Structures are given as structure tokens and as C-alpha cells.
Protein backbone atom coordinates (compact mmCIF):
# COMPACT_ATOMS: atom_id res chain seq x y z
CA MET A 1 51.98 111.09 184.77
CA ASN A 2 55.63 111.24 183.22
CA LEU A 3 54.20 109.12 180.39
CA GLU A 4 51.33 111.44 179.62
CA GLY A 5 53.59 114.43 179.93
CA THR A 6 56.13 113.20 177.44
CA LEU A 7 53.32 112.18 174.96
CA CYS A 8 51.82 115.60 175.21
CA GLU A 9 55.07 117.12 174.47
CA ASN A 10 55.62 115.03 171.43
CA ILE A 11 52.01 115.79 170.09
CA ALA A 12 52.72 119.44 170.69
CA SER A 13 56.10 119.30 169.08
CA SER A 14 54.47 117.45 165.96
CA MET A 15 51.97 120.10 165.72
CA ASP A 16 54.41 122.85 165.83
CA LYS A 17 56.14 121.32 163.08
CA LEU A 18 53.20 121.03 160.91
CA VAL A 19 52.28 124.61 161.63
CA GLN A 20 55.92 125.69 160.44
CA LEU A 21 55.55 123.45 157.55
CA GLN A 22 52.26 125.18 156.33
CA ALA A 23 53.80 128.55 157.16
CA ALA A 24 56.97 127.65 155.00
CA LEU A 25 54.76 126.31 152.06
CA ARG A 26 52.64 129.46 152.08
CA ALA A 27 55.89 131.60 152.03
CA ILE A 28 57.30 129.41 149.27
CA GLU A 29 54.05 129.83 147.35
CA THR A 30 54.34 133.45 147.62
CA GLY A 31 57.97 133.56 146.74
CA GLN A 32 59.12 135.02 149.89
CA ARG A 33 61.10 132.18 151.53
CA LEU A 34 62.96 129.25 150.37
CA GLU A 35 65.42 127.78 152.73
CA SER A 36 67.18 124.24 153.34
CA VAL A 37 64.76 123.50 156.29
CA ASP A 38 61.85 124.25 154.07
CA GLY A 39 63.13 122.23 151.39
CA VAL A 40 63.57 119.30 153.72
CA LEU A 41 59.78 119.65 154.98
CA VAL A 42 58.53 119.77 151.52
CA ARG A 43 60.61 116.76 150.33
CA GLN A 44 59.27 114.67 153.33
CA VAL A 45 55.54 115.59 152.22
CA LEU A 46 56.28 114.98 148.68
CA GLN A 47 57.90 111.59 149.39
CA GLN A 48 54.82 110.61 151.58
CA ARG A 49 52.44 111.72 148.90
CA GLN A 50 54.28 109.78 146.12
CA ALA A 51 54.53 106.76 148.52
CA GLN A 52 50.80 106.76 149.09
CA LEU A 53 50.03 107.23 145.34
CA GLN A 54 52.28 104.27 144.22
CA GLN A 55 50.63 102.01 146.93
CA SER A 56 47.08 103.06 146.19
CA THR A 57 46.62 103.61 142.59
CA PRO A 58 48.70 104.27 139.46
CA GLU A 59 49.34 107.92 138.69
CA PRO A 60 46.38 109.59 136.76
CA ASN A 61 46.84 111.72 133.98
CA THR A 62 46.94 115.62 133.97
CA PRO A 63 43.31 116.51 133.34
CA GLU A 64 41.94 113.99 135.93
CA LEU A 65 44.58 115.36 138.53
CA TYR A 66 43.53 118.72 137.73
CA ARG A 67 39.70 118.10 138.27
CA GLU A 68 40.51 116.43 141.53
CA LEU A 69 42.54 119.33 142.77
CA LEU A 70 39.83 121.73 141.88
CA ALA A 71 37.26 119.77 143.66
CA LEU A 72 39.63 119.11 146.72
CA ARG A 73 40.13 122.88 146.85
CA LYS A 74 36.44 123.56 146.73
CA THR A 75 35.58 121.43 149.54
CA LYS A 76 38.48 122.52 151.68
CA ALA A 77 37.49 126.11 151.07
CA ASN A 78 34.04 125.52 152.29
CA ARG A 79 35.13 123.66 155.43
CA ASN A 80 37.68 126.43 156.32
CA VAL A 81 34.90 128.88 156.06
CA LYS A 82 32.56 127.02 158.46
CA GLN A 83 35.38 126.21 160.99
CA ASN A 84 37.16 129.53 161.08
CA THR A 85 35.63 131.78 163.68
CA GLN A 86 38.13 134.45 164.00
CA PRO A 87 39.38 136.82 161.48
CA THR A 88 42.89 136.56 160.23
CA ASP A 89 45.23 139.20 159.00
CA ASP A 90 45.72 140.15 155.32
CA SER A 91 49.22 138.95 155.27
CA GLY A 92 48.60 135.60 157.28
CA ASN A 93 52.17 135.49 158.49
CA ASN A 94 52.24 137.99 161.48
CA GLU A 95 49.67 136.31 163.87
CA ALA A 96 50.87 133.49 166.25
CA PRO A 97 49.38 130.05 165.94
CA ARG A 98 46.54 129.24 168.30
CA PRO A 99 47.43 127.12 171.30
CA ILE A 100 46.59 123.25 170.87
CA PRO A 101 44.89 121.80 173.80
CA ARG A 102 46.40 118.86 175.39
CA ILE A 103 44.66 115.54 175.17
CA SER A 104 44.47 113.22 178.03
CA PRO A 105 45.37 109.75 177.10
CA LYS A 106 42.50 108.47 179.60
CA LYS A 107 39.79 110.36 177.56
CA PRO A 108 39.94 109.57 173.78
CA THR A 109 37.13 111.87 173.10
CA ALA A 110 37.04 113.78 169.80
CA VAL A 111 38.09 117.33 170.27
CA ARG A 112 37.03 120.20 168.12
CA ARG A 113 39.57 120.76 165.59
CA THR A 114 40.45 124.52 164.71
CA VAL A 115 42.62 125.00 161.75
CA ASP A 116 44.90 128.18 161.85
CA SER A 117 44.29 130.60 158.97
CA ARG A 118 48.16 130.19 158.11
CA LEU A 119 47.31 126.62 157.03
CA GLU A 120 45.03 127.72 154.35
CA SER A 121 46.40 128.14 150.72
CA THR A 122 46.59 131.11 148.56
CA PRO A 123 43.76 131.02 146.22
CA SER A 124 44.26 130.56 142.32
CA SER A 125 42.02 133.24 141.18
CA LEU A 126 40.27 136.37 142.31
CA GLN A 127 36.83 134.82 142.58
CA ARG A 128 37.92 131.91 144.71
CA ALA A 129 39.66 134.70 147.06
CA ILE A 130 36.67 136.50 147.39
CA SER A 131 34.46 133.21 148.25
CA ASN A 132 37.15 131.61 150.58
CA ASN A 133 38.99 134.52 152.37
CA ASP A 134 38.60 138.32 152.88
CA LYS A 135 38.48 140.67 149.95
CA ASN A 136 41.43 142.74 151.18
CA VAL A 137 43.58 139.28 150.71
CA ALA A 138 42.37 138.97 147.25
CA GLU A 139 43.18 142.43 146.30
CA GLU A 140 46.61 142.23 147.88
CA LEU A 141 47.17 138.94 145.99
CA ALA A 142 45.94 140.75 142.64
CA VAL A 143 48.51 143.46 143.06
CA ASN A 144 51.42 141.18 144.11
CA THR A 145 50.93 138.81 141.14
CA THR A 146 53.62 140.13 139.02
CA GLU A 147 55.97 140.13 141.87
CA THR A 148 55.08 136.56 142.72
CA ILE A 149 55.87 135.63 139.28
CA GLU A 150 59.27 137.05 139.28
CA LEU A 151 59.91 135.62 142.78
CA MET A 152 58.76 132.22 141.55
CA GLN A 153 61.07 132.38 138.48
CA THR A 154 64.13 133.13 141.00
CA ALA A 155 62.88 130.50 143.51
CA LEU A 156 62.73 127.85 140.72
CA VAL A 157 66.25 128.35 139.75
CA THR A 158 67.44 128.35 143.31
CA ARG A 159 64.96 125.58 144.38
CA GLU A 160 66.91 122.93 142.39
CA LYS A 161 70.06 123.93 144.16
CA GLU A 162 68.60 123.98 147.66
CA LEU A 163 66.82 120.70 147.06
CA ARG A 164 70.36 119.03 146.01
CA ARG A 165 71.82 120.49 149.14
CA SER A 166 68.98 119.34 151.39
CA GLU A 167 69.32 115.40 150.28
CA LYS A 168 71.73 114.90 153.15
CA ALA A 169 69.36 116.84 155.54
CA VAL A 170 66.36 114.87 154.34
CA LYS A 171 68.25 111.60 155.19
CA ARG A 172 69.10 112.66 158.56
CA ALA A 173 65.48 114.00 159.32
CA ASP A 174 64.03 110.62 158.12
CA ALA A 175 66.44 108.92 160.41
CA GLU A 176 65.43 111.15 163.28
CA VAL A 177 61.71 110.60 162.52
CA ARG A 178 62.40 106.82 162.38
CA GLU A 179 64.21 106.91 165.77
CA GLU A 180 61.33 108.88 167.43
CA LEU A 181 58.66 106.49 166.13
CA VAL A 182 60.63 103.51 167.39
CA ARG A 183 61.01 105.08 170.64
CA ALA A 184 57.28 106.08 170.79
CA GLU A 185 56.24 102.64 169.86
CA LYS A 186 58.47 101.32 172.76
CA ILE A 187 56.67 103.78 175.11
CA LEU A 188 53.11 103.37 173.92
CA PRO A 189 51.32 100.69 171.83
CA SER A 190 50.30 101.44 168.22
CA LYS A 191 46.64 101.50 168.84
CA PHE A 192 47.05 104.32 171.32
CA LEU A 193 49.19 106.26 169.30
CA PHE A 194 46.66 105.98 166.26
CA GLU A 195 43.81 107.19 168.55
CA ARG A 196 45.75 110.06 170.03
CA ASN A 197 47.44 111.17 166.75
CA LEU A 198 44.33 111.72 164.74
CA ALA A 199 44.55 115.48 164.87
CA ASN A 200 48.23 115.12 163.71
CA ASP A 201 46.96 113.18 160.55
CA ARG A 202 44.40 115.59 159.82
CA GLN A 203 46.93 118.32 159.97
CA LEU A 204 49.47 116.18 157.73
CA GLU A 205 46.52 115.89 155.23
CA ALA A 206 45.80 119.64 155.44
CA ALA A 207 49.65 120.09 154.60
CA ARG A 208 49.52 117.65 151.76
CA ASN A 209 46.52 119.46 150.21
CA VAL A 210 48.23 122.69 150.57
CA LEU A 211 51.33 121.09 148.89
CA THR A 212 48.97 119.81 145.93
CA ARG A 213 47.44 123.21 145.41
CA PHE A 214 51.03 124.63 145.27
CA GLN A 215 52.15 122.00 142.87
CA HIS A 216 49.09 122.78 140.63
CA ARG A 217 49.77 126.48 140.59
CA PHE A 218 53.41 125.72 140.02
CA PHE A 219 52.59 123.45 137.03
CA ARG A 220 49.93 125.70 135.69
CA LEU A 221 52.43 128.78 135.66
CA TYR A 222 55.37 127.10 134.04
CA PHE A 223 53.69 124.45 132.07
CA HIS A 224 53.32 126.82 128.97
CA ARG A 225 56.72 128.11 129.36
CA TRP A 226 58.31 124.53 129.95
CA TRP A 227 56.49 123.48 126.72
CA GLY A 228 57.80 126.56 124.60
CA ILE A 229 61.23 125.76 125.82
CA THR A 230 60.87 122.17 125.07
CA LEU A 231 59.61 122.74 121.64
CA GLU A 232 62.36 125.32 121.01
CA LEU A 233 64.70 122.67 122.31
CA ARG A 234 63.40 120.14 119.96
CA LEU A 235 63.56 122.26 117.09
CA GLN A 236 67.07 123.27 117.85
CA ALA A 237 68.18 119.68 118.17
CA GLN A 238 66.30 118.91 114.92
CA ARG A 239 68.16 121.63 113.29
CA ARG A 240 71.37 120.58 114.74
CA ALA A 241 70.71 116.97 113.40
CA ALA A 242 69.72 118.15 110.00
CA MET A 243 72.92 120.46 109.97
CA GLN A 244 74.91 117.39 111.07
CA ILE A 245 73.33 115.09 108.40
CA ILE A 246 73.92 117.70 105.80
CA ARG A 247 77.49 118.28 106.85
CA VAL A 248 78.06 114.58 106.89
CA TYR A 249 76.36 114.06 103.34
CA ARG A 250 78.18 116.96 101.81
CA GLY A 251 81.35 115.73 103.31
CA HIS A 252 80.73 112.26 101.75
CA GLN A 253 79.95 113.71 98.39
CA ALA A 254 83.05 115.94 98.53
CA ARG A 255 85.25 113.03 99.48
CA ARG A 256 83.84 110.83 96.74
CA GLU A 257 84.48 113.75 94.26
CA ALA A 258 87.83 114.38 95.52
CA ARG A 259 88.56 110.54 95.25
CA ARG A 260 87.32 110.56 91.44
CA LEU A 261 89.43 113.97 90.71
CA ARG A 262 92.43 112.34 92.53
CA LYS A 263 92.22 109.06 90.32
CA GLU A 264 91.89 111.29 87.26
CA LEU A 265 94.69 113.41 88.32
CA ASN A 266 96.97 110.33 89.04
CA ALA A 267 96.04 108.88 85.60
CA MET A 268 96.97 112.15 83.89
CA GLN A 269 100.20 112.35 85.99
CA ALA A 270 100.81 108.74 85.06
CA GLN A 271 100.45 109.38 81.34
CA LYS A 272 102.62 112.42 81.79
CA ARG A 273 105.33 110.42 83.67
CA GLN A 274 105.11 107.75 80.84
CA LEU A 275 105.52 110.17 78.02
CA LEU A 276 108.55 112.01 79.89
CA ALA A 277 110.04 108.76 80.79
CA PHE A 278 109.80 107.62 77.11
CA ARG A 279 111.20 110.99 75.87
CA ILE A 280 114.02 110.71 78.28
CA LYS A 281 114.71 107.20 77.43
CA TYR A 282 114.81 108.15 73.61
CA ARG A 283 116.95 111.08 74.29
CA CYS A 284 119.43 109.16 76.46
CA SER A 285 119.77 106.45 73.97
CA GLN A 286 120.38 108.96 71.21
CA ALA A 287 122.62 110.88 73.45
CA VAL A 288 124.47 107.47 74.34
CA LYS A 289 125.07 106.69 70.76
CA LEU A 290 126.38 110.10 69.92
CA GLN A 291 128.63 109.84 73.04
CA MET A 292 129.72 106.43 72.04
CA VAL A 293 130.71 107.51 68.59
CA TRP A 294 132.37 110.64 69.82
CA ARG A 295 134.31 108.83 72.67
CA ARG A 296 135.50 106.17 70.06
CA TYR A 297 136.95 108.68 67.88
CA LEU A 298 138.53 110.47 70.83
CA ARG A 299 139.71 107.25 72.08
CA HIS A 300 141.31 106.31 68.88
CA ARG A 301 142.92 109.83 68.39
CA ALA A 302 144.18 109.68 72.05
CA ILE A 303 145.68 106.32 71.32
CA LYS A 304 147.44 107.31 68.14
CA TYR A 305 148.72 110.37 69.94
CA ARG A 306 150.00 108.33 72.86
CA GLN A 307 151.82 105.83 70.68
CA ALA A 308 153.48 108.59 68.80
CA ARG A 309 154.62 110.10 71.98
CA GLN A 310 155.66 107.01 73.48
CA ALA A 311 157.63 105.98 70.07
CA ALA A 312 159.33 109.57 70.22
CA ALA A 313 160.00 109.20 74.00
CA THR A 314 161.59 105.86 73.39
CA LEU A 315 163.68 106.95 70.68
CA LEU A 316 165.05 110.04 72.78
CA GLN A 317 165.49 107.92 75.85
CA ARG A 318 167.56 105.35 73.86
CA ALA A 319 169.76 108.01 72.12
CA PHE A 320 170.27 109.87 75.65
CA ARG A 321 170.84 106.75 77.51
CA THR A 322 173.36 105.59 74.90
CA ARG A 323 175.06 108.85 74.91
CA GLN A 324 175.27 108.80 78.61
CA TRP A 325 176.42 105.21 78.97
CA ARG A 326 179.18 105.87 76.54
CA SER A 327 180.53 108.94 78.24
CA GLN A 328 180.23 107.26 81.55
CA SER A 329 181.91 104.01 80.51
CA LEU A 330 184.79 105.98 79.02
CA VAL A 331 185.15 107.82 82.26
CA ASN A 332 184.92 104.60 84.30
CA SER A 333 187.42 102.84 82.09
CA LEU A 334 189.97 105.48 82.25
CA ALA A 335 189.46 105.72 85.99
CA ASN A 336 189.59 101.97 86.64
CA ALA A 337 192.39 101.16 84.27
CA ARG A 338 195.14 101.28 86.93
CA LYS A 339 193.18 99.38 89.15
CA VAL A 340 192.30 96.76 86.75
CA PHE A 341 196.02 96.44 85.67
CA ALA A 342 197.08 96.17 89.47
CA VAL A 343 194.57 93.67 90.05
CA VAL A 344 195.58 91.64 86.94
CA SER A 345 199.45 91.83 87.86
CA LEU A 346 198.48 90.70 91.40
CA GLN A 347 196.30 87.74 90.24
CA LYS A 348 199.02 86.72 87.79
CA LEU A 349 201.74 86.74 90.31
CA TYR A 350 199.64 84.82 92.91
CA ARG A 351 198.50 82.24 90.39
CA GLY A 352 202.00 81.87 89.14
CA HIS A 353 203.37 81.32 92.73
CA ARG A 354 200.46 78.80 93.33
CA ALA A 355 201.30 76.98 90.30
CA ARG A 356 204.80 76.69 90.91
CA ARG A 357 204.28 75.50 94.40
CA ARG A 358 201.74 72.82 93.32
CA LEU A 359 204.30 71.63 90.62
CA ARG A 360 206.95 71.50 93.18
CA GLU A 361 204.83 69.42 95.43
CA SER A 362 203.91 67.16 92.56
CA ARG A 363 207.45 66.45 91.39
CA GLN A 364 208.37 65.74 95.08
CA ARG A 365 205.43 63.07 95.29
CA GLN A 366 206.35 61.91 91.79
CA ARG A 367 210.04 61.35 92.96
CA GLN A 368 209.04 59.59 96.13
CA GLU A 369 206.62 57.21 94.10
CA GLU A 370 209.46 56.48 91.70
CA ARG A 371 211.74 55.52 94.46
CA VAL A 372 208.99 53.25 96.08
CA GLN A 373 208.06 51.89 92.45
CA LEU A 374 211.91 51.01 91.73
CA ALA A 375 212.15 49.45 95.19
CA LEU A 376 209.07 47.25 94.32
CA LEU A 377 210.29 46.47 90.79
CA ARG A 378 213.39 45.13 92.12
CA SER A 379 211.32 42.45 93.82
CA MET A 380 208.58 41.85 90.90
CA SER A 381 208.74 39.24 88.06
CA LYS A 382 208.77 40.45 84.23
CA GLN A 383 205.19 39.90 83.73
CA ALA A 384 204.23 42.09 86.90
CA ARG A 385 206.83 44.80 85.74
CA ALA A 386 205.27 45.05 82.26
CA ALA A 387 201.73 45.45 83.68
CA TRP A 388 203.02 48.03 86.06
CA VAL A 389 204.63 49.89 83.09
CA VAL A 390 201.37 49.99 81.15
CA GLU A 391 199.46 51.21 84.08
CA ARG A 392 202.01 53.82 84.99
CA ARG A 393 201.81 55.10 81.40
CA GLY A 394 198.05 55.29 81.50
CA ALA A 395 198.08 56.99 84.93
CA GLY A 396 200.52 59.57 83.47
CA TYR A 397 198.21 60.38 80.56
CA LEU A 398 195.25 60.80 83.10
CA ILE A 399 197.45 63.09 85.22
CA ALA A 400 198.70 65.13 82.48
CA HIS A 401 195.05 65.70 81.05
CA ARG A 402 193.69 66.63 84.40
CA ALA A 403 196.45 69.01 85.27
CA ILE A 404 197.24 70.48 81.92
CA PHE A 405 193.62 71.02 80.44
CA PRO A 406 192.28 73.31 82.98
CA TYR A 407 195.44 75.37 83.09
CA ALA A 408 195.06 75.54 79.29
CA MET A 409 191.50 76.66 79.23
CA ARG A 410 192.25 79.36 81.86
CA MET A 411 194.95 80.66 79.83
CA ARG A 412 192.65 80.74 76.77
CA TRP A 413 189.97 82.46 78.71
CA HIS A 414 192.42 85.20 79.89
CA ARG A 415 193.56 85.82 76.35
CA LEU A 416 189.90 86.16 75.17
CA LEU A 417 189.05 88.63 78.10
CA GLY A 418 192.07 90.72 77.44
CA GLN A 419 191.11 90.89 73.82
CA LEU A 420 187.57 91.99 74.61
CA ARG A 421 188.83 94.58 77.05
CA ARG A 422 191.17 96.01 74.54
CA GLN A 423 188.11 96.29 71.93
CA ARG A 424 186.06 98.03 74.60
CA ALA A 425 188.75 100.50 75.50
CA ALA A 426 189.30 101.23 71.80
CA LYS A 427 185.60 101.94 71.24
CA CYS A 428 185.41 104.31 74.36
CA ILE A 429 188.42 106.23 72.86
CA ALA A 430 186.92 106.36 69.56
CA LYS A 431 183.62 107.75 71.01
CA ALA A 432 185.59 110.36 72.99
CA VAL A 433 187.36 111.33 69.82
CA CYS A 434 184.13 111.61 67.85
CA ASN A 435 182.69 113.84 70.55
CA TRP A 436 185.73 115.95 70.58
CA PHE A 437 185.66 116.57 66.79
CA GLY A 438 181.62 116.96 66.34
CA VAL A 439 180.74 113.57 64.84
CA LYS A 440 178.14 112.85 67.55
CA GLY A 441 176.27 116.12 66.80
CA ARG A 442 176.14 115.15 63.13
CA ARG A 443 174.76 111.66 64.08
CA GLU A 444 171.98 113.13 66.32
CA ALA A 445 170.96 115.54 63.62
CA ALA A 446 170.75 112.62 61.18
CA ARG A 447 168.61 110.81 63.75
CA VAL A 448 166.23 113.55 64.35
CA LYS A 449 165.78 113.81 60.59
CA LEU A 450 165.11 110.33 60.39
CA VAL A 451 162.48 110.71 63.08
CA ASN A 452 160.73 113.37 61.37
CA GLU A 453 160.61 111.61 58.10
CA TRP A 454 159.11 108.70 59.96
CA MET A 455 156.37 110.89 61.47
CA LEU A 456 155.66 112.20 58.17
CA LEU A 457 155.20 108.65 56.85
CA VAL A 458 152.86 107.94 59.77
CA GLN A 459 150.72 111.12 59.12
CA ARG A 460 150.46 110.18 55.42
CA GLU A 461 149.40 106.66 56.38
CA ASN A 462 146.78 108.15 58.84
CA GLU A 463 145.34 110.46 56.07
CA ARG A 464 145.32 107.48 53.64
CA SER A 465 143.41 105.43 56.07
CA ARG A 466 140.82 108.20 56.81
CA CYS A 467 140.25 108.81 53.21
CA ALA A 468 139.85 104.96 52.63
CA ALA A 469 137.45 104.76 55.56
CA VAL A 470 135.21 107.55 54.09
CA LEU A 471 135.21 105.90 50.76
CA ILE A 472 134.32 102.72 52.16
CA GLN A 473 131.44 104.22 54.17
CA LYS A 474 130.22 106.04 50.93
CA GLN A 475 130.25 102.84 49.01
CA LEU A 476 128.48 100.92 51.83
CA ARG A 477 125.77 103.63 52.14
CA ARG A 478 125.19 103.69 48.47
CA TRP A 479 124.68 99.83 48.47
CA ILE A 480 122.37 100.15 51.27
CA GLN A 481 120.25 102.85 49.49
CA GLN A 482 120.20 100.72 46.16
CA ARG A 483 119.22 97.68 48.14
CA LYS A 484 116.27 99.54 49.75
CA TYR A 485 115.27 100.96 46.43
CA LEU A 486 115.27 97.48 44.94
CA MET A 487 113.42 96.03 47.74
CA ALA A 488 110.76 98.68 47.57
CA GLN A 489 110.37 98.28 43.96
CA ALA A 490 110.05 94.55 44.14
CA ARG A 491 107.25 95.22 46.78
CA ARG A 492 105.43 97.41 44.34
CA LYS A 493 105.58 94.87 41.54
CA LYS A 494 104.41 92.06 44.03
CA PHE A 495 101.33 94.27 44.86
CA ALA A 496 100.71 95.09 41.21
CA ARG A 497 100.92 91.39 40.43
CA ARG A 498 98.55 90.43 43.32
CA THR A 499 96.29 93.16 42.17
CA ARG A 500 96.05 91.99 38.55
CA LEU A 501 95.59 88.45 39.83
CA ALA A 502 92.60 89.53 42.14
CA GLU A 503 91.07 91.40 39.06
CA LYS A 504 91.33 88.33 36.93
CA THR A 505 89.77 86.33 39.72
CA ARG A 506 86.85 88.68 40.09
CA LYS A 507 86.12 88.81 36.20
CA MET A 508 86.32 85.02 36.33
CA GLU A 509 83.71 84.73 39.07
CA GLN A 510 81.50 87.41 37.26
CA LEU A 511 81.58 85.18 34.20
CA GLN A 512 80.69 82.16 36.04
CA GLN A 513 77.89 84.01 37.79
CA LYS A 514 76.34 85.14 34.33
CA ASN A 515 76.74 81.58 32.84
CA SER A 516 75.42 79.70 35.71
CA GLY A 517 72.71 82.19 36.72
CA TRP A 518 72.88 84.38 40.01
CA LEU A 519 69.34 84.15 40.99
CA GLY A 520 69.82 81.66 44.01
CA VAL A 521 73.17 83.07 44.88
CA ASP A 522 73.34 84.36 48.63
CA LYS A 523 73.94 88.03 49.07
CA ARG A 524 76.94 87.58 51.35
CA THR A 525 78.70 85.73 48.43
CA LEU A 526 78.18 88.52 46.26
CA GLU A 527 79.52 90.82 48.56
CA ALA A 528 82.43 88.76 49.25
CA GLY A 529 83.06 88.49 45.63
CA SER A 530 82.67 92.05 45.03
CA SER A 531 85.86 92.84 47.10
CA PRO A 532 88.40 90.17 46.05
CA THR A 533 91.36 92.78 46.39
CA ARG A 534 91.09 92.78 50.14
CA ILE A 535 91.13 88.75 50.06
CA ILE A 536 94.08 88.39 47.81
CA THR A 537 96.07 90.97 49.72
CA LEU A 538 95.46 88.98 52.93
CA LEU A 539 96.78 85.73 51.23
CA LYS A 540 100.14 84.61 51.43
CA PRO A 541 102.54 84.16 48.68
CA ASN A 542 102.40 80.28 48.65
CA GLN A 543 98.49 80.42 48.33
CA LEU A 544 98.71 82.88 45.61
CA LYS A 545 100.97 80.58 43.62
CA GLU A 546 98.61 77.77 44.29
CA LEU A 547 95.80 80.05 42.97
CA ARG A 548 97.90 80.97 39.91
């Protein structure tokens, strides 16, 4: 009993779900309701329909599907007219569904199937509404057609969002259905469930039919609009593609033209730069030449001026330093005269004392040596005495030379030094006397006069040099012009001589042609002979001499 009760409850719940699905489909078809649960149920039915179509046959084309839907709708309408015994309301949504009788598992007899009016689909036209359902329903559907279209437009926009949101709910519902099926298979065998669920299958088939009707109406209402939008989008895409192609092509043409213009501009700028560089180079070279000449002139003039200034400065410095040295030497000589005389007297006394002391010591050594020699002579023979005398005299000569010659030289040097000092003192005194009596001024004036005369001579020499340079340049330029004239005249004479020679050659050739006959002569030969001047002008002088 418990098993039968659970089975009946499952069947009743499935039937309720089917009734809710049909009511939701009707509401969706009229544009009155579109919720997530309805989307889940519709998605489940659509998936089952697509799975059956994929497993059975390939998908037919649109005209065949449309014919099948029309035939299915007619058969469904006729069957519903026969089975319906109670009238339904105009709206089809206020009346509660008819209760489903319980089916005992022990009596698998066929139960009369009654289809609720809510499972019927909304007719697609007024004639079908009159033939299938009540006239009031047809009139109401005709009145609400405009509202249905507007609601369907809004429902179409929101349907996509709702379907996306209901994907997770679909997955959860599929999982729950699978769990229920697995649990039902565990409770009852498959054959028993198949026999007891025929009514459920029929109701699912009715729901699928309702869904196909809904799809047919949906496709019929929005196919033209979709086709117009698709054509417009295609045209827009084609226009955008054409605009893109035109833009790219024009850009390519413009870039190519820009490259050509840029090359021409670069070439013109390069020519302009070359011309400007040539002008600048030529001007720079001419400016360098002018600057070179002018700087050479300035350099020579500065050198001459500097040399003159240096010579004058040297002369002035020499005169000034001579005058300064003379005055300073006189002052120094007068100031240091007493010191010099004192030093000389001290040196004289010291040197005399040193000489006398050395002389005294030498005399004492000599006496001592004589005593020793006398003592030795007493004991020597005559021959040894004679040798000793000779040696002594030679030693005396040497001693006298070594002792007296340096002394004599020093005395002579002192005499010369004193004489030089006296002469220098006399010059200083004479200079001081000349300065006192104006002799130096006259000498300076004479020296300045001499310098001026020398400067005048230098200026005259420079003027003569400049005049000579101008004369040399004039003669050189005259000679160059004469040389050019002679060369040009020689060239003219040579050209005239060549012309005469060419004329003679042409006349000789004409005579030869007249004598020999020129009927078989080539035309090119005649043309070449008719213009010998050009040929002769191209020949070298050596070749002309050979022809001559």
C-alpha cells in the first residue's frame, strides 16, 4: 500500500507540473508571464524535442516543418473538440484544473483521458479560433492582437536574459529529475513505470505540441522583422567594408603620391643645396684670397712698424742706460774710493808683512843648510865638492825663479789694475764735468737728429721699394697680356691654315671624282667628303703635317 501511495503521489505531482507548464506556455504565448521557472520548463521541453529530432531524423527545412505543424494543429483541434465535454472560460486561466483520477497498479486498464482547456494552444487565426474554441475567445484574441505583439516584443528582449539566468536552474532541475527517475527505478521496474506513465507521456506530447505551435507563431511573427534587420545589417556591413576599402585605397594612393612628391621635393632641395654650397664655396674661396692678400699687407706693415719701434726703443734704451750707468758709476766710484784705498793699504801692509816673514824664514833655513853643508864639505873630497857646488847653483836658480817670478807678476798686475782704475776715475770725472757744462744735452740732440735722419732714409727706401713693386707688377701684367694676345693670334692662324688645307683637300677630292667618275661612289662617301672641315679640325697637328 505504501508503494502504491508513493507512486500515485509521483504521478499526481508530474501531472501538476505538466498542467503548470501548459499554463505557463499559454501565458508566455499571450505575453502575460515570463519567469525563471517558466523558462526552465520551456528549456526542458525544448531540449527533449531537440534530442528526439536528432535521434530520429535530420532537421527538415522550414516549409516542410510549417506544413507538419499545420496538420498537427488541425488534428489536435479536432480531437480536443471531441474530447472536451465542459465549456471553458474565455480567458482559460481562472478555472482550476480537473482532478486526475488515481490509477491502481493492479489494474492497468486504459482510463479515459480528459484534456483540460488550459492545455489547448491559442489559435493562429480567427477561422481556427471559430472552428476550435468558442467565438468569444476568438473575438478577445482579435482585440488583444496588438497588445500581444507589443508584449511579445518586450518578452523577446527579456527572454534571452531570463534564459541565461535559468541555465543554472535547468541544470539543477535536470539533476533533480534524474535523481527522481533513479529513485523510481529502484522502487518499481521499468515496465511497470512505462505502463503506468502513459498518461504522463500523452500530456508531455501535448505540451510539446503546444510548444511547437508557440515556436511556429513566434517564427512567423518575427521572421520578416529578423530578415529585414539581417538585410539592413548586411547592407551596413557591406557599406562599412566598402568605406574601409575606399579609405585604404585612397590612403594608399595618397601615400604613394606623397612619396613621389617627397622624392621630387628632396631632389629639388638637394639641387638647391648643391647650388647654395657651390656659391658658398666660391664666395669663401674668393673671400679667402682677398683676406690672404689683405692680411699679408697688414702683416708686412705691422712687421715694418714693429721693427722701427724696436729699433727706436733699442736706441733709446741704450742711450738711457748708458747715461744712467755713467752717473751711477761716478757716484759709486766717489762713494767707494775711500773703501778701496783703505782695502788696498791693508792688503799692501798684510802682503808686505807676509813677504818679510817668509823671507826671514827662508834666510834662516838657508843659513842652517849652509852650516850643514859646510860641515859636510869638510869631510868630502874635491870631486864631490865640485858636484855639490854645481848642484847648489842650479838649485839656487830654481829657487830664485820660483820665488821671484810670481812676486814680479803680482806687482805687474797691481800696476796695471791701478792704471785701469785711474783711467776709469778720469772718465767718470769727465762725464760729470760734461753734464755740468751741458755737453751731454748737445750729444743727445745730435743723436736724436741722427735717428730722425735714419728714419727718413728708411721711409724713402720703403717708398722706392713700393714704386719698384708697382712697376714690376705693371710690366709683368703687360707681358702676360702680350703673351695671351700672341697665343690667341697663333691659334687663329693655325685654324685658318687648317681651314685652307681642308678646302684644298676638298677641291682635290672633287677633281678626282670628276676625273674618275662618281657614278659608283657610295652616298656616305660623298657626304663625308662634302664636309672635310669638320674632319680636318678633329685631326691632330702631326696628322695635318703628314697630310701636308
